[in-house]
Structures are given as C-alpha cells and as structure tokens.
C-alpha atoms as a PDB file:
ATOM      1  CA  UNK A   1     -27.172   4.647  10.724  1.00  0.00           C
ATOM      2  CA  UNK A   2     -25.553   1.274  11.297  1.00  0.00           C
ATOM      3  CA  UNK A   3     -23.077  -0.329   8.959  1.00  0.00           C
ATOM      4  CA  UNK A   4     -22.102  -3.951   8.435  1.00  0.00           C
ATOM      5  CA  UNK A   5     -18.440  -4.139   9.366  1.00  0.00           C
ATOM      6  CA  UNK A   6     -18.114  -7.768   8.340  1.00  0.00           C
ATOM      7  CA  UNK A   7     -15.345  -8.117   5.748  1.00  0.00           C
ATOM      8  CA  UNK A   8     -16.097 -11.775   5.035  1.00  0.00           C
ATOM      9  CA  UNK A   9     -16.100 -12.629   1.352  1.00  0.00           C
ATOM     10  CA  UNK A  10     -14.589  -9.326   0.270  1.00  0.00           C
ATOM     11  CA  UNK A  11     -11.651  -9.510  -2.124  1.00  0.00           C
ATOM     12  CA  UNK A  12      -8.512  -7.422  -1.578  1.00  0.00           C
ATOM     13  CA  UNK A  13      -5.686  -7.035  -4.093  1.00  0.00           C
ATOM     14  CA  UNK A  14      -2.473  -6.086  -2.283  1.00  0.00           C
ATOM     15  CA  UNK A  15       0.672  -5.263  -4.244  1.00  0.00           C
ATOM     16  CA  UNK A  16       4.074  -6.212  -2.868  1.00  0.00           C
ATOM     17  CA  UNK A  17       2.428  -8.453  -0.294  1.00  0.00           C
ATOM     18  CA  UNK A  18       4.960 -11.238   0.194  1.00  0.00           C
ATOM     19  CA  UNK A  19       6.948  -9.528   2.949  1.00  0.00           C
ATOM     20  CA  UNK A  20       7.051  -6.657   5.430  1.00  0.00           C
ATOM     21  CA  UNK A  21       4.059  -4.303   5.639  1.00  0.00           C
ATOM     22  CA  UNK A  22       2.321  -5.940   2.675  1.00  0.00           C
ATOM     23  CA  UNK A  23       2.387  -9.373   4.296  1.00  0.00           C
ATOM     24  CA  UNK A  24       1.135  -8.040   7.622  1.00  0.00           C
ATOM     25  CA  UNK A  25      -1.672  -6.246   5.795  1.00  0.00           C
ATOM     26  CA  UNK A  26      -2.570  -9.468   3.993  1.00  0.00           C
ATOM     27  CA  UNK A  27      -2.755 -11.365   7.302  1.00  0.00           C
ATOM     28  CA  UNK A  28      -4.862  -8.625   8.885  1.00  0.00           C
ATOM     29  CA  UNK A  29      -7.394  -8.356   6.057  1.00  0.00           C
ATOM     30  CA  UNK A  30      -7.539 -12.145   5.850  1.00  0.00           C
ATOM     31  CA  UNK A  31      -8.256 -12.380   9.576  1.00  0.00           C
ATOM     32  CA  UNK A  32     -11.124  -9.936   9.025  1.00  0.00           C
ATOM     33  CA  UNK A  33     -12.624 -12.364   6.514  1.00  0.00           C
ATOM     34  CA  UNK A  34     -11.292 -11.140   3.178  1.00  0.00           C
ATOM     35  CA  UNK A  35      -9.941 -13.260   0.368  1.00  0.00           C
ATOM     36  CA  UNK A  36      -6.526 -12.045  -0.739  1.00  0.00           C
ATOM     37  CA  UNK A  37      -5.097 -11.542  -4.216  1.00  0.00           C
ATOM     38  CA  UNK A  38      -1.447 -11.443  -3.210  1.00  0.00           C
ATOM     39  CA  UNK A  39       0.819  -9.747  -5.721  1.00  0.00           C
ATOM     40  CA  UNK A  40       4.584 -10.182  -5.687  1.00  0.00           C
ATOM     41  CA  UNK A  41       7.422  -9.555  -8.113  1.00  0.00           C
ATOM     42  CA  UNK A  42      10.426 -11.734  -7.239  1.00  0.00           C
ATOM     43  CA  UNK A  43       9.528 -13.121  -3.804  1.00  0.00           C
ATOM     44  CA  UNK A  44       7.890 -16.363  -4.935  1.00  0.00           C
ATOM     45  CA  UNK A  45       9.043 -18.325  -1.887  1.00  0.00           C
ATOM     46  CA  UNK A  46       7.710 -15.706   0.523  1.00  0.00           C
ATOM     47  CA  UNK A  47       4.418 -15.438  -1.346  1.00  0.00           C
ATOM     48  CA  UNK A  48       3.935 -19.205  -1.420  1.00  0.00           C
ATOM     49  CA  UNK A  49       4.754 -19.509   2.291  1.00  0.00           C
ATOM     50  CA  UNK A  50       2.237 -16.800   3.156  1.00  0.00           C
ATOM     51  CA  UNK A  51      -0.407 -18.406   0.960  1.00  0.00           C
ATOM     52  CA  UNK A  52       0.174 -21.742   2.688  1.00  0.00           C
ATOM     53  CA  UNK A  53      -0.026 -20.096   6.115  1.00  0.00           C
ATOM     54  CA  UNK A  54      -3.343 -18.409   5.281  1.00  0.00           C
ATOM     55  CA  UNK A  55      -4.762 -21.498   3.565  1.00  0.00           C
ATOM     56  CA  UNK A  56      -4.178 -23.433   6.783  1.00  0.00           C
ATOM     57  CA  UNK A  57      -6.543 -20.944   8.402  1.00  0.00           C
ATOM     58  CA  UNK A  58      -9.071 -20.794   5.564  1.00  0.00           C
ATOM     59  CA  UNK A  59      -8.673 -22.928   2.418  1.00  0.00           C
ATOM     60  CA  UNK A  60      -8.806 -21.394  -1.050  1.00  0.00           C
ATOM     61  CA  UNK A  61      -8.699 -17.853   0.297  1.00  0.00           C
ATOM     62  CA  UNK A  62      -5.476 -16.582  -1.332  1.00  0.00           C
ATOM     63  CA  UNK A  63      -4.482 -16.374  -4.975  1.00  0.00           C
ATOM     64  CA  UNK A  64      -0.932 -15.476  -6.013  1.00  0.00           C
ATOM     65  CA  UNK A  65      -0.210 -13.003  -8.804  1.00  0.00           C
ATOM     66  CA  UNK A  66       3.337 -12.588 -10.050  1.00  0.00           C
ATOM     67  CA  UNK A  67       4.056  -9.414 -11.958  1.00  0.00           C
ATOM     68  CA  UNK A  68       6.540  -6.618 -12.590  1.00  0.00           C
ATOM     69  CA  UNK A  69       4.748  -3.333 -11.880  1.00  0.00           C
ATOM     70  CA  UNK A  70       7.187  -1.561 -14.189  1.00  0.00           C
ATOM     71  CA  UNK A  71       5.788  -3.628 -17.071  1.00  0.00           C
ATOM     72  CA  UNK A  72       2.967  -1.301 -18.041  1.00  0.00           C
ATOM     73  CA  UNK A  73       1.153  -3.861 -20.177  1.00  0.00           C
ATOM     74  CA  UNK A  74       0.880  -6.308 -17.251  1.00  0.00           C
ATOM     75  CA  UNK A  75      -1.049  -3.985 -14.926  1.00  0.00           C
ATOM     76  CA  UNK A  76      -4.582  -4.622 -16.258  1.00  0.00           C
ATOM     77  CA  UNK A  77      -3.841  -8.363 -16.210  1.00  0.00           C
ATOM     78  CA  UNK A  78      -2.948  -8.212 -12.500  1.00  0.00           C
ATOM     79  CA  UNK A  79      -6.320  -6.632 -11.755  1.00  0.00           C
ATOM     80  CA  UNK A  80      -8.208  -9.064 -13.967  1.00  0.00           C
ATOM     81  CA  UNK A  81      -6.495 -12.033 -12.298  1.00  0.00           C
ATOM     82  CA  UNK A  82      -7.561 -10.707  -8.904  1.00  0.00           C
ATOM     83  CA  UNK A  83     -11.144 -10.155 -10.045  1.00  0.00           C
ATOM     84  CA  UNK A  84     -11.420 -13.523 -11.773  1.00  0.00           C
ATOM     85  CA  UNK A  85     -10.350 -15.479  -8.679  1.00  0.00           C
ATOM     86  CA  UNK A  86     -13.661 -14.896  -6.851  1.00  0.00           C
ATOM     87  CA  UNK A  87     -15.664 -12.871  -9.352  1.00  0.00           C
ATOM     88  CA  UNK A  88     -15.358  -9.563  -7.526  1.00  0.00           C
ATOM     89  CA  UNK A  89     -12.908  -6.936  -6.291  1.00  0.00           C
ATOM     90  CA  UNK A  90     -13.592  -4.796  -3.212  1.00  0.00           C
ATOM     91  CA  UNK A  91     -10.239  -3.294  -2.284  1.00  0.00           C
ATOM     92  CA  UNK A  92      -6.985  -2.315  -3.953  1.00  0.00           C
ATOM     93  CA  UNK A  93      -4.036  -1.705  -1.623  1.00  0.00           C
ATOM     94  CA  UNK A  94      -1.180  -0.025  -3.484  1.00  0.00           C
ATOM     95  CA  UNK A  95       1.614  -1.091  -1.159  1.00  0.00           C
ATOM     96  CA  UNK A  96       4.514  -2.053  -3.458  1.00  0.00           C
ATOM     97  CA  UNK A  97       7.295   0.515  -3.425  1.00  0.00           C
ATOM     98  CA  UNK A  98      10.908   1.040  -4.365  1.00  0.00           C
ATOM     99  CA  UNK A  99      13.067   3.079  -2.000  1.00  0.00           C
ATOM    100  CA  UNK A 100      16.699   4.131  -2.228  1.00  0.00           C
ATOM    101  CA  UNK A 101      18.716   7.385  -2.275  1.00  0.00           C
ATOM    102  CA  UNK A 102      19.088   9.440  -5.452  1.00  0.00           C
ATOM    103  CA  UNK A 103      21.344  12.415  -4.635  1.00  0.00           C
ATOM    104  CA  UNK A 104      20.965  15.268  -7.109  1.00  0.00           C
ATOM    105  CA  UNK A 105      23.725  15.132  -9.691  1.00  0.00           C
ATOM    106  CA  UNK A 106      23.781  11.359  -9.853  1.00  0.00           C
ATOM    107  CA  UNK A 107      20.195  10.439 -10.791  1.00  0.00           C
ATOM    108  CA  UNK A 108      19.840   8.224 -13.839  1.00  0.00           C
ATOM    109  CA  UNK A 109      16.757   7.880 -16.004  1.00  0.00           C
ATOM    110  CA  UNK A 110      16.575   4.237 -14.956  1.00  0.00           C
ATOM    111  CA  UNK A 111      16.341   5.236 -11.288  1.00  0.00           C
ATOM    112  CA  UNK A 112      13.756   7.899 -12.143  1.00  0.00           C
ATOM    113  CA  UNK A 113      11.606   5.404 -14.046  1.00  0.00           C
ATOM    114  CA  UNK A 114      11.950   2.821 -11.280  1.00  0.00           C
ATOM    115  CA  UNK A 115      10.973   5.121  -8.409  1.00  0.00           C
ATOM    116  CA  UNK A 116       8.230   7.003 -10.248  1.00  0.00           C
ATOM    117  CA  UNK A 117       7.015   3.776 -11.835  1.00  0.00           C
ATOM    118  CA  UNK A 118       6.635   1.741  -8.658  1.00  0.00           C
ATOM    119  CA  UNK A 119       5.456   4.550  -6.382  1.00  0.00           C
ATOM    120  CA  UNK A 120       3.151   6.521  -8.697  1.00  0.00           C
ATOM    121  CA  UNK A 121       2.637   5.235 -12.238  1.00  0.00           C
ATOM    122  CA  UNK A 122       1.752   1.647 -11.349  1.00  0.00           C
ATOM    123  CA  UNK A 123      -0.639   2.638  -8.527  1.00  0.00           C
ATOM    124  CA  UNK A 124      -2.493   4.971 -10.883  1.00  0.00           C
ATOM    125  CA  UNK A 125      -2.917   2.481 -13.700  1.00  0.00           C
ATOM    126  CA  UNK A 126      -3.822  -0.326 -11.309  1.00  0.00           C
ATOM    127  CA  UNK A 127      -6.465   1.979  -9.838  1.00  0.00           C
ATOM    128  CA  UNK A 128      -7.732   2.837 -13.302  1.00  0.00           C
ATOM    129  CA  UNK A 129      -8.047  -0.838 -14.199  1.00  0.00           C
ATOM    130  CA  UNK A 130      -9.655  -1.710 -10.870  1.00  0.00           C
ATOM    131  CA  UNK A 131     -12.140   1.181 -10.795  1.00  0.00           C
ATOM    132  CA  UNK A 132     -14.947  -0.493 -12.790  1.00  0.00           C
ATOM    133  CA  UNK A 133     -14.872  -3.563 -10.517  1.00  0.00           C
ATOM    134  CA  UNK A 134     -14.624  -1.450  -7.369  1.00  0.00           C
ATOM    135  CA  UNK A 135     -17.597   0.649  -8.441  1.00  0.00           C
ATOM    136  CA  UNK A 136     -19.771  -2.454  -8.707  1.00  0.00           C
ATOM    137  CA  UNK A 137     -18.972  -3.414  -5.100  1.00  0.00           C
ATOM    138  CA  UNK A 138     -18.798   0.167  -3.785  1.00  0.00           C
ATOM    139  CA  UNK A 139     -15.278  -0.673  -2.717  1.00  0.00           C
ATOM    140  CA  UNK A 140     -12.198   1.376  -1.987  1.00  0.00           C
ATOM    141  CA  UNK A 141      -8.534   2.023  -2.668  1.00  0.00           C
ATOM    142  CA  UNK A 142      -5.889   2.488   0.022  1.00  0.00           C
ATOM    143  CA  UNK A 143      -2.510   3.841  -1.067  1.00  0.00           C
ATOM    144  CA  UNK A 144       0.562   3.451   1.142  1.00  0.00           C
ATOM    145  CA  UNK A 145       2.192   6.868   0.913  1.00  0.00           C
ATOM    146  CA  UNK A 146       4.886   8.303   3.214  1.00  0.00           C
ATOM    147  CA  UNK A 147       5.358  11.174   5.641  1.00  0.00           C
ATOM    148  CA  UNK A 148       8.131  12.312   3.270  1.00  0.00           C
ATOM    149  CA  UNK A 149       5.485  13.197   0.693  1.00  0.00           C
ATOM    150  CA  UNK A 150       5.041  16.329   2.817  1.00  0.00           C
ATOM    151  CA  UNK A 151       8.574  16.761   4.167  1.00  0.00           C
ATOM    152  CA  UNK A 152      11.298  15.667   1.752  1.00  0.00           C
ATOM    153  CA  UNK A 153      13.855  13.133   2.869  1.00  0.00           C
ATOM    154  CA  UNK A 154      17.435  14.257   2.323  1.00  0.00           C
ATOM    155  CA  UNK A 155      19.085  12.587  -0.688  1.00  0.00           C
ATOM    156  CA  UNK A 156      15.770  10.997  -1.724  1.00  0.00           C
ATOM    157  CA  UNK A 157      14.248  13.655  -4.008  1.00  0.00           C
ATOM    158  CA  UNK A 158      12.797  11.294  -6.605  1.00  0.00           C
ATOM    159  CA  UNK A 159      11.223   9.008  -3.998  1.00  0.00           C
ATOM    160  CA  UNK A 160       9.818  11.992  -2.083  1.00  0.00           C
ATOM    161  CA  UNK A 161       8.402  13.470  -5.303  1.00  0.00           C
ATOM    162  CA  UNK A 162       6.827  10.159  -6.270  1.00  0.00           C
ATOM    163  CA  UNK A 163       5.121   9.787  -2.888  1.00  0.00           C
ATOM    164  CA  UNK A 164       3.931  13.401  -3.064  1.00  0.00           C
ATOM    165  CA  UNK A 165       2.367  12.505  -6.399  1.00  0.00           C
ATOM    166  CA  UNK A 166       0.721   9.497  -4.781  1.00  0.00           C
ATOM    167  CA  UNK A 167      -0.847  11.763  -2.164  1.00  0.00           C
ATOM    168  CA  UNK A 168      -2.328  13.964  -4.888  1.00  0.00           C
ATOM    169  CA  UNK A 169      -3.414  10.859  -6.780  1.00  0.00           C
ATOM    170  CA  UNK A 170      -5.291   9.747  -3.663  1.00  0.00           C
ATOM    171  CA  UNK A 171      -7.136  13.043  -3.476  1.00  0.00           C
ATOM    172  CA  UNK A 172      -7.718  13.254  -7.228  1.00  0.00           C
ATOM    173  CA  UNK A 173      -9.119   9.749  -7.490  1.00  0.00           C
ATOM    174  CA  UNK A 174     -11.372  10.370  -4.494  1.00  0.00           C
ATOM    175  CA  UNK A 175     -12.809  13.194  -6.591  1.00  0.00           C
ATOM    176  CA  UNK A 176     -12.952  11.159  -9.803  1.00  0.00           C
ATOM    177  CA  UNK A 177     -14.282   7.838  -8.473  1.00  0.00           C
ATOM    178  CA  UNK A 178     -16.834   9.046  -5.934  1.00  0.00           C
ATOM    179  CA  UNK A 179     -19.509   8.397  -4.930  1.00  0.00           C
ATOM    180  CA  UNK A 180     -19.108   4.670  -5.536  1.00  0.00           C
ATOM    181  CA  UNK A 181     -15.416   4.278  -4.620  1.00  0.00           C
ATOM    182  CA  UNK A 182     -13.590   5.749  -1.627  1.00  0.00           C
ATOM    183  CA  UNK A 183      -9.870   6.476  -2.012  1.00  0.00           C
ATOM    184  CA  UNK A 184      -7.607   7.058   0.993  1.00  0.00           C
ATOM    185  CA  UNK A 185      -3.971   6.742   1.979  1.00  0.00           C
ATOM    186  CA  UNK A 186      -1.835   5.700   4.935  1.00  0.00           C
ATOM    187  CA  UNK A 187       1.412   7.575   5.598  1.00  0.00           C
ATOM    188  CA  UNK A 188       3.825   5.491   7.707  1.00  0.00           C
ATOM    189  CA  UNK A 189       6.648   6.959   9.739  1.00  0.00           C
ATOM    190  CA  UNK A 190       9.365   4.859  11.396  1.00  0.00           C
ATOM    191  CA  UNK A 191       7.737   1.448  11.022  1.00  0.00           C
ATOM    192  CA  UNK A 192      10.399  -0.709   9.397  1.00  0.00           C
ATOM    193  CA  UNK A 193      13.944   0.380   8.714  1.00  0.00           C
ATOM    194  CA  UNK A 194      15.073   0.296   5.072  1.00  0.00           C
ATOM    195  CA  UNK A 195      16.309  -3.059   3.843  1.00  0.00           C
ATOM    196  CA  UNK A 196      19.593  -1.310   3.077  1.00  0.00           C
ATOM    197  CA  UNK A 197      21.704  -0.676   6.158  1.00  0.00           C
ATOM    198  CA  UNK A 198      20.931   2.326   8.376  1.00  0.00           C
ATOM    199  CA  UNK A 199      23.362   3.028  11.216  1.00  0.00           C
ATOM    200  CA  UNK A 200      22.304   3.039  14.863  1.00  0.00           C
ATOM    201  CA  UNK A 201      22.908   6.773  15.303  1.00  0.00           C
ATOM    202  CA  UNK A 202      20.555   7.613  12.437  1.00  0.00           C
ATOM    203  CA  UNK A 203      17.860   5.338  13.821  1.00  0.00           C
ATOM    204  CA  UNK A 204      18.225   6.857  17.288  1.00  0.00           C
ATOM    205  CA  UNK A 205      17.968  10.390  15.876  1.00  0.00           C
ATOM    206  CA  UNK A 206      14.765   9.493  14.027  1.00  0.00           C
ATOM    207  CA  UNK A 207      13.146   8.002  17.119  1.00  0.00           C
ATOM    208  CA  UNK A 208      14.178  10.969  19.262  1.00  0.00           C
ATOM    209  CA  UNK A 209      12.148  13.197  16.904  1.00  0.00           C
ATOM    210  CA  UNK A 210       9.099  10.962  17.286  1.00  0.00           C
ATOM    211  CA  UNK A 211       6.693  12.079  19.999  1.00  0.00           C
ATOM    212  CA  UNK A 212       6.040   8.509  21.132  1.00  0.00           C
ATOM    213  CA  UNK A 213       9.812   7.858  21.293  1.00  0.00           C
ATOM    214  CA  UNK A 214       9.535   4.404  19.803  1.00  0.00           C
ATOM    215  CA  UNK A 215       9.424   2.598  16.509  1.00  0.00           C
ATOM    216  CA  UNK A 216       6.052   1.626  15.088  1.00  0.00           C
ATOM    217  CA  UNK A 217       5.069  -1.825  13.909  1.00  0.00           C
ATOM    218  CA  UNK A 218       3.754  -3.106  10.559  1.00  0.00           C
ATOM    219  CA  UNK A 219       0.586  -4.057  12.419  1.00  0.00           C
ATOM    220  CA  UNK A 220      -0.048  -0.350  13.016  1.00  0.00           C
ATOM    221  CA  UNK A 221      -0.172   0.201   9.249  1.00  0.00           C
ATOM    222  CA  UNK A 222      -2.240  -2.908   8.590  1.00  0.00           C
ATOM    223  CA  UNK A 223      -4.779  -1.792  11.197  1.00  0.00           C
ATOM    224  CA  UNK A 224      -5.008   1.605   9.510  1.00  0.00           C
ATOM    225  CA  UNK A 225      -5.619  -0.031   6.125  1.00  0.00           C
ATOM    226  CA  UNK A 226      -8.369  -2.214   7.591  1.00  0.00           C
ATOM    227  CA  UNK A 227      -9.974   0.795   9.264  1.00  0.00           C
ATOM    228  CA  UNK A 228     -10.028   2.808   6.040  1.00  0.00           C
ATOM    229  CA  UNK A 229     -11.306  -0.126   4.000  1.00  0.00           C
ATOM    230  CA  UNK A 230     -13.897  -1.521   6.400  1.00  0.00           C
ATOM    231  CA  UNK A 231     -14.929   1.122   8.907  1.00  0.00           C
ATOM    232  CA  UNK A 232     -14.345   4.598   7.461  1.00  0.00           C
ATOM    233  CA  UNK A 233     -17.596   4.748   5.502  1.00  0.00           C
ATOM    234  CA  UNK A 234     -17.659   8.542   5.232  1.00  0.00           C
ATOM    235  CA  UNK A 235     -13.949   9.105   4.629  1.00  0.00           C
ATOM    236  CA  UNK A 236     -12.461   9.686   1.172  1.00  0.00           C
ATOM    237  CA  UNK A 237      -9.477  11.656  -0.041  1.00  0.00           C
ATOM    238  CA  UNK A 238      -7.850  11.428   3.383  1.00  0.00           C
ATOM    239  CA  UNK A 239      -4.259  10.598   4.338  1.00  0.00           C
ATOM    240  CA  UNK A 240      -4.072   8.844   7.706  1.00  0.00           C
ATOM    241  CA  UNK A 241      -0.650   9.503   9.197  1.00  0.00           C
ATOM    242  CA  UNK A 242       0.723   6.693  11.374  1.00  0.00           C
ATOM    243  CA  UNK A 243       4.069   7.991  12.568  1.00  0.00           C
ATOM    244  CA  UNK A 244       3.962   8.469  16.336  1.00  0.00           C
ATOM    245  CA  UNK A 245       3.792  12.226  15.830  1.00  0.00           C
ATOM    246  CA  UNK A 246       7.131  12.454  14.049  1.00  0.00           C
ATOM    247  CA  UNK A 247       5.936  14.586  11.133  1.00  0.00           C
ATOM    248  CA  UNK A 248       4.790  17.315  13.546  1.00  0.00           C
ATOM    249  CA  UNK A 249       8.284  17.647  15.017  1.00  0.00           C
ATOM    250  CA  UNK A 250      10.296  19.962  12.795  1.00  0.00           C
END
C-alpha cells in the first residue's frame, strides 16, 4: 500500500518554537511543505525573526502565537488560533519545556507547578483541545519527552517525573485518540546542553557514556518528528529514542 508523503498544506502547531530544537523542527516541517503555527512565550524577537526567515521562503506560511502555557485558560485559545490560521490542524508538537534542578529538600510548590505544568499539564490540555481538529484530518501528536523519563537525572526529580508522565500520556492518548489520531514521542539524549552552565567535565562524561561518542544535533530531533508525523503511518504510542545509544549504557 502506498502513502502520500507530501506534507504540503498541512498545518503544524509547535510549542516553544522560537529557538533551539523547536525552531529547527519548525524549519524542517516548513521545508517539507507544512504551514507553521509557531508558539512562543517571551521570545518575540526570535519568533518574529524565524517567521521572517520562513516567509522569505514561502509567504504567509507562518503564524505567531504568544502564550504562557502555565495559564490554563489560554491553552484552548492557542489551539484555536492555530486552527483558524488555515482552517485546519494536522500536527501538534509539544516541544516547550522547563528544565532546571530541584534537589529534594528544597523543592517549592512554584517549581513543582512550573515543571509539571510545562512538561505535562500543558501538553495534555493542548492535546485535548487539538484532538477534534486532528481527528478531522487524521493527524498526529508528537511529544518531546526525554531519556530521563526512564532513567532519572540526579537532582532533577520533578523534571524526570514530569517527563515520565509525558511518556505515559503519549501511550494513553494513542489508546484514547485512535484510530483517527496517532500519538508518538521523541526522547532526545545529548542534543543541546542546558541553557544554564554545565562544566566541561560533566559534558565529557556524558558523551563518554554515549555509544556514538558525540553530541547529537537539533536536526536529529527535527528529522525524527517529521518521520513520526509524515512517514510512520502504522506507528502510534511509540517513543523514538534519539540519543546515540546513551540510554542503553548503564
């Protein structure tokens, strides 16, 4: 059975898409023909620059959506904005994430709400709002999870727990939204270092435990998202690990 792999005219909503992996994913899906609903929180300059860059390639192909994913009431509006731009929605990429250490004994409720909110609560309620539109187009959801959903990262219990919840959300929604909507996840390893400083020794230790002995690239994640959205027609409830083999190395 042949499938049409053309992504032209599809609409993808990507959260946290102004920089880093989100921006690379936006460029990659755009290059495949998709129109992009580009969500950002504070990075207006980055979002506008990326929109301009992509509009130079294909006019009127990117709409910007500003929103705080911790503002629960705004989540349905983000989805509706994305759908209204071109009258359809084919893909939701839950990419936005908050990441920082929360050593046990020092965790505040604010940190808990921030990490659980950005990494689990917002993705779920965005998916819930998007589901009716995605069902019409037989679209999909791709969640950016983390290898630390399976193996906790020291001093990051709340983040690790939130990403573990996102993995189960991926599997649960695959069950709930099938057969019309496929739901999958991508679990990055050492792709980009945290925006907070990480010393050279720590980086070296991480790469030494990676079978490929090198850092990955945001393009590796973007390619995985495109594959799951466009090509993986019989794949749902799956987590595609893109980590150079690191998670196999105990």
